[in-house]
Each structure stands twice: as C-alpha cells, then as structure tokens.
C-alpha cells in the first residue's frame, strides 16, 4: 500500500475551504499552518478511530499506560491485555 499524501493549508485556507479540506483527508493528512508554522492536523477518522482516541486520551487511562510502561522498563515483564481488562472491570464494580 502506498503512503498517504500530506497537504499543507494555512489557517485562512482552512477558514475558506473547510469542507474541501476535510474531504481531502480521505487521501492524506492536512497540516494546518499559521505564519508558516504547523498548528493543527486534520486526519481521516472513523468511529473506531474516535473510540480509540477517546479511550487513550482519558487522563486515567494515560496515567495507567504510563505507569505500566515504567513498570515494564523496570522489570521487563509485560501484562496480558486480558489481565488489564479484568482489572478494569473489577474497578468499575
């Protein structure tokens, strides 16, 4: 599979061509710039991507991932995903 193209658009272009730039994310990412510097990124997203984004952006989840990563670096042992899910279910009640 070929890599996706990256397009650059200024904030002004984003303001004037929002719908077109959103459609262009089907072909590649759109980096939004202000005064020539990157300030935002438009990426294609479907429902599964949104679920992943919300899950991994949750502060508690981020802290747990970081804690587990530090533990892995210290001990070299990983934790099976099934164990993490079971622990999460227990915490929720």
PDB file of N, CA and C in Angstrom:
ATOM      1  N   UNK A   1       0.849  -1.183   0.000  1.00  0.00           N
ATOM      2  CA  UNK A   1       0.000   0.000   0.000  1.00  0.00           C
ATOM      3  C   UNK A   1       0.889   1.239   0.000  1.00  0.00           C
ATOM      4  N   UNK A   2       0.559   2.203  -0.828  1.00  0.00           N
ATOM      5  CA  UNK A   2       1.330   3.439  -0.899  1.00  0.00           C
ATOM      6  C   UNK A   2       1.045   4.316   0.302  1.00  0.00           C
ATOM      7  N   UNK A   3       2.021   5.176   0.626  1.00  0.00           N
ATOM      8  CA  UNK A   3       1.818   6.132   1.713  1.00  0.00           C
ATOM      9  C   UNK A   3       0.791   7.176   1.322  1.00  0.00           C
ATOM     10  N   UNK A   4       0.182   7.742   2.311  1.00  0.00           N
ATOM     11  CA  UNK A   4      -0.811   8.784   2.067  1.00  0.00           C
ATOM     12  C   UNK A   4      -0.103  10.108   1.863  1.00  0.00           C
ATOM     13  N   UNK A   5      -0.669  10.950   1.039  1.00  0.00           N
ATOM     14  CA  UNK A   5      -0.104  12.278   0.794  1.00  0.00           C
ATOM     15  C   UNK A   5      -0.357  13.197   1.984  1.00  0.00           C
ATOM     16  N   UNK A   6       0.521  14.164   2.153  1.00  0.00           N
ATOM     17  CA  UNK A   6       0.331  15.193   3.172  1.00  0.00           C
ATOM     18  C   UNK A   6       0.138  16.511   2.458  1.00  0.00           C
ATOM     19  N   UNK A   7      -0.908  17.233   2.820  1.00  0.00           N
ATOM     20  CA  UNK A   7      -1.180  18.540   2.244  1.00  0.00           C
ATOM     21  C   UNK A   7      -1.000  19.581   3.337  1.00  0.00           C
ATOM     22  N   UNK A   8      -0.586  20.751   2.944  1.00  0.00           N
ATOM     23  CA  UNK A   8      -0.453  21.871   3.873  1.00  0.00           C
ATOM     24  C   UNK A   8      -1.474  22.932   3.508  1.00  0.00           C
ATOM     25  N   UNK A   9      -2.100  23.515   4.520  1.00  0.00           N
ATOM     26  CA  UNK A   9      -3.096  24.567   4.303  1.00  0.00           C
ATOM     27  C   UNK A   9      -2.946  25.604   5.406  1.00  0.00           C
ATOM     28  N   UNK A  10      -3.046  26.852   5.020  1.00  0.00           N
ATOM     29  CA  UNK A  10      -2.976  27.926   6.025  1.00  0.00           C
ATOM     30  C   UNK A  10      -4.298  28.006   6.782  1.00  0.00           C
ATOM     31  N   UNK A  11      -4.275  28.676   7.911  1.00  0.00           N
ATOM     32  CA  UNK A  11      -5.495  28.895   8.685  1.00  0.00           C
ATOM     33  C   UNK A  11      -6.535  29.605   7.811  1.00  0.00           C
ATOM     34  N   UNK A  12      -6.093  30.560   7.031  1.00  0.00           N
ATOM     35  CA  UNK A  12      -7.013  31.287   6.144  1.00  0.00           C
ATOM     36  C   UNK A  12      -7.643  30.328   5.127  1.00  0.00           C
ATOM     37  N   UNK A  13      -6.819  29.444   4.564  1.00  0.00           N
ATOM     38  CA  UNK A  13      -7.350  28.467   3.603  1.00  0.00           C
ATOM     39  C   UNK A  13      -8.335  27.529   4.299  1.00  0.00           C
ATOM     40  N   UNK A  14      -8.025  27.128   5.520  1.00  0.00           N
ATOM     41  CA  UNK A  14      -8.944  26.279   6.279  1.00  0.00           C
ATOM     42  C   UNK A  14     -10.284  26.985   6.478  1.00  0.00           C
ATOM     43  N   UNK A  15     -10.229  28.268   6.799  1.00  0.00           N
ATOM     44  CA  UNK A  15     -11.451  29.050   7.002  1.00  0.00           C
ATOM     45  C   UNK A  15     -12.281  29.100   5.725  1.00  0.00           C
ATOM     46  N   UNK A  16     -11.617  29.290   4.603  1.00  0.00           N
ATOM     47  CA  UNK A  16     -12.332  29.462   3.335  1.00  0.00           C
ATOM     48  C   UNK A  16     -12.703  28.151   2.651  1.00  0.00           C
ATOM     49  N   UNK A  17     -12.006  27.059   2.969  1.00  0.00           N
ATOM     50  CA  UNK A  17     -12.211  25.788   2.256  1.00  0.00           C
ATOM     51  C   UNK A  17     -12.374  24.609   3.211  1.00  0.00           C
ATOM     52  N   UNK A  18     -13.018  24.827   4.337  1.00  0.00           N
ATOM     53  CA  UNK A  18     -13.107  23.783   5.362  1.00  0.00           C
ATOM     54  C   UNK A  18     -13.636  22.466   4.809  1.00  0.00           C
ATOM     55  N   UNK A  19     -14.772  22.482   4.146  1.00  0.00           N
ATOM     56  CA  UNK A  19     -15.377  21.237   3.646  1.00  0.00           C
ATOM     57  C   UNK A  19     -14.455  20.516   2.675  1.00  0.00           C
ATOM     58  N   UNK A  20     -13.844  21.258   1.770  1.00  0.00           N
ATOM     59  CA  UNK A  20     -12.939  20.636   0.788  1.00  0.00           C
ATOM     60  C   UNK A  20     -11.731  20.017   1.474  1.00  0.00           C
ATOM     61  N   UNK A  21     -11.173  20.702   2.467  1.00  0.00           N
ATOM     62  CA  UNK A  21     -10.007  20.166   3.164  1.00  0.00           C
ATOM     63  C   UNK A  21     -10.369  18.934   3.986  1.00  0.00           C
ATOM     64  N   UNK A  22     -11.550  18.933   4.583  1.00  0.00           N
ATOM     65  CA  UNK A  22     -11.992  17.742   5.310  1.00  0.00           C
ATOM     66  C   UNK A  22     -12.138  16.568   4.345  1.00  0.00           C
ATOM     67  N   UNK A  23     -12.700  16.793   3.171  1.00  0.00           N
ATOM     68  CA  UNK A  23     -12.813  15.724   2.172  1.00  0.00           C
ATOM     69  C   UNK A  23     -11.436  15.225   1.750  1.00  0.00           C
ATOM     70  N   UNK A  24     -10.453  16.111   1.684  1.00  0.00           N
ATOM     71  CA  UNK A  24      -9.106  15.729   1.270  1.00  0.00           C
ATOM     72  C   UNK A  24      -8.435  14.781   2.258  1.00  0.00           C
ATOM     73  N   UNK A  25      -8.927  14.704   3.491  1.00  0.00           N
ATOM     74  CA  UNK A  25      -8.324  13.781   4.457  1.00  0.00           C
ATOM     75  C   UNK A  25      -8.512  12.323   4.039  1.00  0.00           C
ATOM     76  N   UNK A  26      -9.409  12.066   3.097  1.00  0.00           N
ATOM     77  CA  UNK A  26      -9.558  10.712   2.564  1.00  0.00           C
ATOM     78  C   UNK A  26      -8.303  10.291   1.802  1.00  0.00           C
ATOM     79  N   UNK A  27      -7.527  11.257   1.340  1.00  0.00           N
ATOM     80  CA  UNK A  27      -6.327  10.972   0.548  1.00  0.00           C
ATOM     81  C   UNK A  27      -5.042  11.184   1.332  1.00  0.00           C
ATOM     82  N   UNK A  28      -5.128  11.871   2.454  1.00  0.00           N
ATOM     83  CA  UNK A  28      -3.941  12.119   3.261  1.00  0.00           C
ATOM     84  C   UNK A  28      -4.213  13.158   4.320  1.00  0.00           C
ATOM     85  N   UNK A  29      -3.250  13.318   5.190  1.00  0.00           N
ATOM     86  CA  UNK A  29      -3.377  14.284   6.274  1.00  0.00           C
ATOM     87  C   UNK A  29      -3.262  15.709   5.747  1.00  0.00           C
ATOM     88  N   UNK A  30      -3.862  16.635   6.477  1.00  0.00           N
ATOM     89  CA  UNK A  30      -3.762  18.059   6.149  1.00  0.00           C
ATOM     90  C   UNK A  30      -3.142  18.757   7.365  1.00  0.00           C
ATOM     91  N   UNK A  31      -1.963  19.319   7.173  1.00  0.00           N
ATOM     92  CA  UNK A  31      -1.292  20.074   8.225  1.00  0.00           C
ATOM     93  C   UNK A  31      -1.718  21.529   8.074  1.00  0.00           C
ATOM     94  N   UNK A  32      -2.291  22.086   9.131  1.00  0.00           N
ATOM     95  CA  UNK A  32      -2.743  23.474   9.108  1.00  0.00           C
ATOM     96  C   UNK A  32      -1.605  24.330   9.673  1.00  0.00           C
ATOM     97  N   UNK A  33      -1.283  25.393   8.951  1.00  0.00           N
ATOM     98  CA  UNK A  33      -0.183  26.261   9.366  1.00  0.00           C
ATOM     99  C   UNK A  33      -0.679  27.679   9.647  1.00  0.00           C
ATOM    100  N   UNK A  34       0.044  28.343  10.532  1.00  0.00           N
ATOM    101  CA  UNK A  34      -0.188  29.751  10.810  1.00  0.00           C
ATOM    102  C   UNK A  34       1.170  30.438  10.750  1.00  0.00           C
ATOM    103  N   UNK A  35       1.277  31.393   9.852  1.00  0.00           N
ATOM    104  CA  UNK A  35       2.557  32.078   9.627  1.00  0.00           C
ATOM    105  C   UNK A  35       3.679  31.096   9.315  1.00  0.00           C
ATOM    106  N   UNK A  36       3.319  30.048   8.550  1.00  0.00           N
ATOM    107  CA  UNK A  36       4.302  29.078   8.107  1.00  0.00           C
ATOM    108  C   UNK A  36       4.667  28.003   9.115  1.00  0.00           C
ATOM    109  N   UNK A  37       4.078  28.037  10.300  1.00  0.00           N
ATOM    110  CA  UNK A  37       4.392  27.042  11.330  1.00  0.00           C
ATOM    111  C   UNK A  37       3.178  26.130  11.543  1.00  0.00           C
ATOM    112  N   UNK A  38       3.402  24.830  11.723  1.00  0.00           N
ATOM    113  CA  UNK A  38       2.277  23.914  11.931  1.00  0.00           C
ATOM    114  C   UNK A  38       1.569  24.188  13.251  1.00  0.00           C
ATOM    115  N   UNK A  39       0.232  24.211  13.209  1.00  0.00           N
ATOM    116  CA  UNK A  39      -0.562  24.465  14.416  1.00  0.00           C
ATOM    117  C   UNK A  39      -1.644  23.412  14.659  1.00  0.00           C
ATOM    118  N   UNK A  40      -1.997  22.651  13.630  1.00  0.00           N
ATOM    119  CA  UNK A  40      -3.058  21.657  13.774  1.00  0.00           C
ATOM    120  C   UNK A  40      -2.908  20.600  12.693  1.00  0.00           C
ATOM    121  N   UNK A  41      -3.598  19.503  12.903  1.00  0.00           N
ATOM    122  CA  UNK A  41      -3.552  18.400  11.952  1.00  0.00           C
ATOM    123  C   UNK A  41      -4.961  17.892  11.718  1.00  0.00           C
ATOM    124  N   UNK A  42      -5.360  17.788  10.465  1.00  0.00           N
ATOM    125  CA  UNK A  42      -6.636  17.166  10.106  1.00  0.00           C
ATOM    126  C   UNK A  42      -6.323  15.765   9.601  1.00  0.00           C
ATOM    127  N   UNK A  43      -6.976  14.763  10.189  1.00  0.00           N
ATOM    128  CA  UNK A  43      -6.790  13.383   9.774  1.00  0.00           C
ATOM    129  C   UNK A  43      -8.135  12.728   9.571  1.00  0.00           C
ATOM    130  N   UNK A  44      -8.164  11.760   8.674  1.00  0.00           N
ATOM    131  CA  UNK A  44      -9.366  10.957   8.483  1.00  0.00           C
ATOM    132  C   UNK A  44      -9.639  10.209   9.777  1.00  0.00           C
ATOM    133  N   UNK A  45     -10.906  10.107  10.147  1.00  0.00           N
ATOM    134  CA  UNK A  45     -11.265   9.406  11.369  1.00  0.00           C
ATOM    135  C   UNK A  45     -12.598   8.713  11.149  1.00  0.00           C
ATOM    136  N   UNK A  46     -12.659   7.447  11.560  1.00  0.00           N
ATOM    137  CA  UNK A  46     -13.949   6.762  11.536  1.00  0.00           C
ATOM    138  C   UNK A  46     -14.373   6.496  12.982  1.00  0.00           C
ATOM    139  N   UNK A  47     -15.478   5.798  13.171  1.00  0.00           N
ATOM    140  CA  UNK A  47     -16.000   5.600  14.524  1.00  0.00           C
ATOM    141  C   UNK A  47     -15.024   4.833  15.413  1.00  0.00           C
ATOM    142  N   UNK A  48     -14.353   3.826  14.849  1.00  0.00           N
ATOM    143  CA  UNK A  48     -13.385   3.049  15.633  1.00  0.00           C
ATOM    144  C   UNK A  48     -12.209   3.929  16.054  1.00  0.00           C
ATOM    145  N   UNK A  49     -11.740   4.781  15.138  1.00  0.00           N
ATOM    146  CA  UNK A  49     -10.653   5.699  15.475  1.00  0.00           C
ATOM    147  C   UNK A  49     -11.073   6.632  16.601  1.00  0.00           C
ATOM    148  N   UNK A  50     -12.312   7.106  16.560  1.00  0.00           N
ATOM    149  CA  UNK A  50     -12.808   8.006  17.599  1.00  0.00           C
ATOM    150  C   UNK A  50     -12.834   7.307  18.951  1.00  0.00           C
ATOM    151  N   UNK A  51     -13.306   6.060  18.968  1.00  0.00           N
ATOM    152  CA  UNK A  51     -13.329   5.304  20.221  1.00  0.00           C
ATOM    153  C   UNK A  51     -11.918   5.171  20.793  1.00  0.00           C
ATOM    154  N   UNK A  52     -10.951   4.834  19.935  1.00  0.00           N
ATOM    155  CA  UNK A  52      -9.559   4.710  20.378  1.00  0.00           C
ATOM    156  C   UNK A  52      -9.041   6.037  20.904  1.00  0.00           C
ATOM    157  N   UNK A  53      -9.333   7.109  20.189  1.00  0.00           N
ATOM    158  CA  UNK A  53      -8.863   8.436  20.601  1.00  0.00           C
ATOM    159  C   UNK A  53      -9.407   8.808  21.977  1.00  0.00           C
ATOM    160  N   UNK A  54     -10.706   8.623  22.170  1.00  0.00           N
ATOM    161  CA  UNK A  54     -11.328   8.969  23.446  1.00  0.00           C
ATOM    162  C   UNK A  54     -10.755   8.091  24.558  1.00  0.00           C
ATOM    163  N   UNK A  55     -10.613   6.798  24.290  1.00  0.00           N
ATOM    164  CA  UNK A  55     -10.099   5.868  25.298  1.00  0.00           C
ATOM    165  C   UNK A  55      -8.683   6.249  25.719  1.00  0.00           C
ATOM    166  N   UNK A  56      -7.802   6.431  24.750  1.00  0.00           N
ATOM    167  CA  UNK A  56      -6.399   6.698  25.073  1.00  0.00           C
ATOM    168  C   UNK A  56      -6.141   8.136  25.516  1.00  0.00           C
ATOM    169  N   UNK A  57      -7.094   9.022  25.300  1.00  0.00           N
ATOM    170  CA  UNK A  57      -6.936  10.409  25.741  1.00  0.00           C
ATOM    171  C   UNK A  57      -7.433  10.628  27.161  1.00  0.00           C
ATOM    172  N   UNK A  58      -8.166   9.666  27.694  1.00  0.00           N
ATOM    173  CA  UNK A  58      -8.691   9.797  29.052  1.00  0.00           C
ATOM    174  C   UNK A  58      -7.512   9.869  30.029  1.00  0.00           C
ATOM    175  N   UNK A  59      -7.492  10.881  30.909  1.00  0.00           N
ATOM    176  CA  UNK A  59      -6.351  11.043  31.826  1.00  0.00           C
ATOM    177  C   UNK A  59      -6.044   9.790  32.652  1.00  0.00           C
ATOM    178  N   UNK A  60      -7.060   9.115  33.155  1.00  0.00           N
ATOM    179  CA  UNK A  60      -6.821   7.916  33.973  1.00  0.00           C
ATOM    180  C   UNK A  60      -6.167   6.813  33.143  1.00  0.00           C
ATOM    181  N   UNK A  61      -6.614   6.668  31.912  1.00  0.00           N
ATOM    182  CA  UNK A  61      -6.043   5.642  31.029  1.00  0.00           C
ATOM    183  C   UNK A  61      -4.595   5.994  30.704  1.00  0.00           C
ATOM    184  N   UNK A  62      -4.343   7.262  30.386  1.00  0.00           N
ATOM    185  CA  UNK A  62      -2.966   7.704  30.087  1.00  0.00           C
ATOM    186  C   UNK A  62      -2.042   7.428  31.270  1.00  0.00           C
ATOM    187  N   UNK A  63      -2.504   7.754  32.486  1.00  0.00           N
ATOM    188  CA  UNK A  63      -1.678   7.506  33.680  1.00  0.00           C
ATOM    189  C   UNK A  63      -1.383   6.017  33.837  1.00  0.00           C
ATOM    190  N   UNK A  64      -2.405   5.184  33.612  1.00  0.00           N
ATOM    191  CA  UNK A  64      -2.214   3.739  33.749  1.00  0.00           C
ATOM    192  C   UNK A  64      -1.245   3.214  32.691  1.00  0.00           C
ATOM    193  N   UNK A  65      -1.364   3.689  31.470  1.00  0.00           N
ATOM    194  CA  UNK A  65      -0.436   3.270  30.416  1.00  0.00           C
ATOM    195  C   UNK A  65       0.984   3.669  30.787  1.00  0.00           C
ATOM    196  N   UNK A  66       1.152   4.899  31.246  1.00  0.00           N
ATOM    197  CA  UNK A  66       2.484   5.372  31.626  1.00  0.00           C
ATOM    198  C   UNK A  66       3.034   4.590  32.811  1.00  0.00           C
ATOM    199  N   UNK A  67       2.167   4.284  33.792  1.00  0.00           N
ATOM    200  CA  UNK A  67       2.606   3.505  34.950  1.00  0.00           C
ATOM    201  C   UNK A  67       3.050   2.107  34.524  1.00  0.00           C
ATOM    202  N   UNK A  68       2.224   1.486  33.674  1.00  0.00           N
ATOM    203  CA  UNK A  68       2.572   0.142  33.192  1.00  0.00           C
ATOM    204  C   UNK A  68       3.852   0.168  32.357  1.00  0.00           C
ATOM    205  N   UNK A  69       4.066   1.217  31.563  1.00  0.00           N
ATOM    206  CA  UNK A  69       5.278   1.323  30.752  1.00  0.00           C
ATOM    207  C   UNK A  69       6.509   1.424  31.652  1.00  0.00           C
ATOM    208  N   UNK A  70       6.435   2.262  32.695  1.00  0.00           N
ATOM    209  CA  UNK A  70       7.559   2.379  33.630  1.00  0.00           C
ATOM    210  C   UNK A  70       7.839   1.042  34.311  1.00  0.00           C
ATOM    211  N   UNK A  71       6.775   0.328  34.689  1.00  0.00           N
ATOM    212  CA  UNK A  71       6.931  -0.986  35.311  1.00  0.00           C
ATOM    213  C   UNK A  71       7.599  -1.961  34.346  1.00  0.00           C
ATOM    214  N   UNK A  72       7.186  -1.912  33.093  1.00  0.00           N
ATOM    215  CA  UNK A  72       7.795  -2.781  32.084  1.00  0.00           C
ATOM    216  C   UNK A  72       9.279  -2.461  31.914  1.00  0.00           C
ATOM    217  N   UNK A  73       9.617  -1.183  31.851  1.00  0.00           N
ATOM    218  CA  UNK A  73      11.018  -0.799  31.703  1.00  0.00           C
ATOM    219  C   UNK A  73      11.845  -1.251  32.910  1.00  0.00           C
ATOM    220  N   UNK A  74      11.232  -1.205  34.084  1.00  0.00           N
ATOM    221  CA  UNK A  74      11.941  -1.593  35.306  1.00  0.00           C
ATOM    222  C   UNK A  74      12.110  -3.103  35.413  1.00  0.00           C
ATOM    223  N   UNK A  75      11.056  -3.876  35.090  1.00  0.00           N
ATOM    224  CA  UNK A  75      11.070  -5.323  35.317  1.00  0.00           C
ATOM    225  C   UNK A  75      11.261  -6.153  34.058  1.00  0.00           C
ATOM    226  N   UNK A  76      10.931  -5.565  32.908  1.00  0.00           N
ATOM    227  CA  UNK A  76      10.996  -6.329  31.661  1.00  0.00           C
ATOM    228  C   UNK A  76       9.820  -7.254  31.456  1.00  0.00           C
ATOM    229  N   UNK A  77       8.849  -7.221  32.374  1.00  0.00           N
ATOM    230  CA  UNK A  77       7.682  -8.097  32.273  1.00  0.00           C
ATOM    231  C   UNK A  77       6.494  -7.318  31.730  1.00  0.00           C
ATOM    232  N   UNK A  78       5.775  -7.956  30.836  1.00  0.00           N
ATOM    233  CA  UNK A  78       4.563  -7.334  30.309  1.00  0.00           C
ATOM    234  C   UNK A  78       3.345  -7.956  30.986  1.00  0.00           C
ATOM    235  N   UNK A  79       2.211  -7.309  30.819  1.00  0.00           N
ATOM    236  CA  UNK A  79       0.962  -7.776  31.400  1.00  0.00           C
ATOM    237  C   UNK A  79       0.025  -8.109  30.247  1.00  0.00           C
ATOM    238  N   UNK A  80      -0.562  -9.305  30.266  1.00  0.00           N
ATOM    239  CA  UNK A  80      -1.503  -9.652  29.194  1.00  0.00           C
ATOM    240  C   UNK A  80      -2.693  -8.691  29.166  1.00  0.00           C
ATOM    241  N   UNK A  81      -3.173  -8.386  27.971  1.00  0.00           N
ATOM    242  CA  UNK A  81      -4.309  -7.491  27.811  1.00  0.00           C
ATOM    243  C   UNK A  81      -5.526  -8.005  28.579  1.00  0.00           C
ATOM    244  N   UNK A  82      -5.731  -9.306  28.613  1.00  0.00           N
ATOM    245  CA  UNK A  82      -6.879  -9.875  29.330  1.00  0.00           C
ATOM    246  C   UNK A  82      -6.816  -9.529  30.818  1.00  0.00           C
ATOM    247  N   UNK A  83      -5.619  -9.486  31.380  1.00  0.00           N
ATOM    248  CA  UNK A  83      -5.459  -9.117  32.792  1.00  0.00           C
ATOM    249  C   UNK A  83      -5.803  -7.649  33.017  1.00  0.00           C
ATOM    250  N   UNK A  84      -5.379  -6.786  32.093  1.00  0.00           N
ATOM    251  CA  UNK A  84      -5.709  -5.371  32.215  1.00  0.00           C
ATOM    252  C   UNK A  84      -7.207  -5.148  32.128  1.00  0.00           C
ATOM    253  N   UNK A  85      -7.849  -5.843  31.196  1.00  0.00           N
ATOM    254  CA  UNK A  85      -9.305  -5.697  31.051  1.00  0.00           C
ATOM    255  C   UNK A  85     -10.027  -6.183  32.297  1.00  0.00           C
ATOM    256  N   UNK A  86      -9.586  -7.313  32.864  1.00  0.00           N
ATOM    257  CA  UNK A  86     -10.222  -7.850  34.067  1.00  0.00           C
ATOM    258  C   UNK A  86     -10.060  -6.874  35.229  1.00  0.00           C
ATOM    259  N   UNK A  87      -8.877  -6.284  35.367  1.00  0.00           N
ATOM    260  CA  UNK A  87      -8.647  -5.310  36.443  1.00  0.00           C
ATOM    261  C   UNK A  87      -9.542  -4.095  36.261  1.00  0.00           C
ATOM    262  N   UNK A  88      -9.710  -3.673  35.027  1.00  0.00           N
ATOM    263  CA  UNK A  88     -10.561  -2.507  34.749  1.00  0.00           C
ATOM    264  C   UNK A  88     -12.025  -2.810  35.114  1.00  0.00           C
ATOM    265  N   UNK A  89     -12.487  -4.019  34.771  1.00  0.00           N
ATOM    266  CA  UNK A  89     -13.872  -4.403  35.103  1.00  0.00           C
ATOM    267  C   UNK A  89     -14.071  -4.442  36.618  1.00  0.00           C
ATOM    268  N   UNK A  90     -13.069  -4.953  37.341  1.00  0.00           N
ATOM    269  CA  UNK A  90     -13.167  -5.015  38.806  1.00  0.00           C
ATOM    270  C   UNK A  90     -13.262  -3.629  39.410  1.00  0.00           C
ATOM    271  N   UNK A  91     -12.483  -2.675  38.862  1.00  0.00           N
ATOM    272  CA  UNK A  91     -12.503  -1.306  39.388  1.00  0.00           C
ATOM    273  C   UNK A  91     -13.834  -0.628  39.141  1.00  0.00           C
ATOM    274  N   UNK A  92     -14.459  -0.948  38.010  1.00  0.00           N
ATOM    275  CA  UNK A  92     -15.742  -0.307  37.687  1.00  0.00           C
ATOM    276  C   UNK A  92     -16.869  -0.846  38.557  1.00  0.00           C
ATOM    277  N   UNK A  93     -16.666  -2.024  39.120  1.00  0.00           N
ATOM    278  CA  UNK A  93     -17.683  -2.565  40.017  1.00  0.00           C
ATOM    279  C   UNK A  93     -18.388  -3.645  39.407  1.00  0.00           C
TER     280      UNK A  93
END
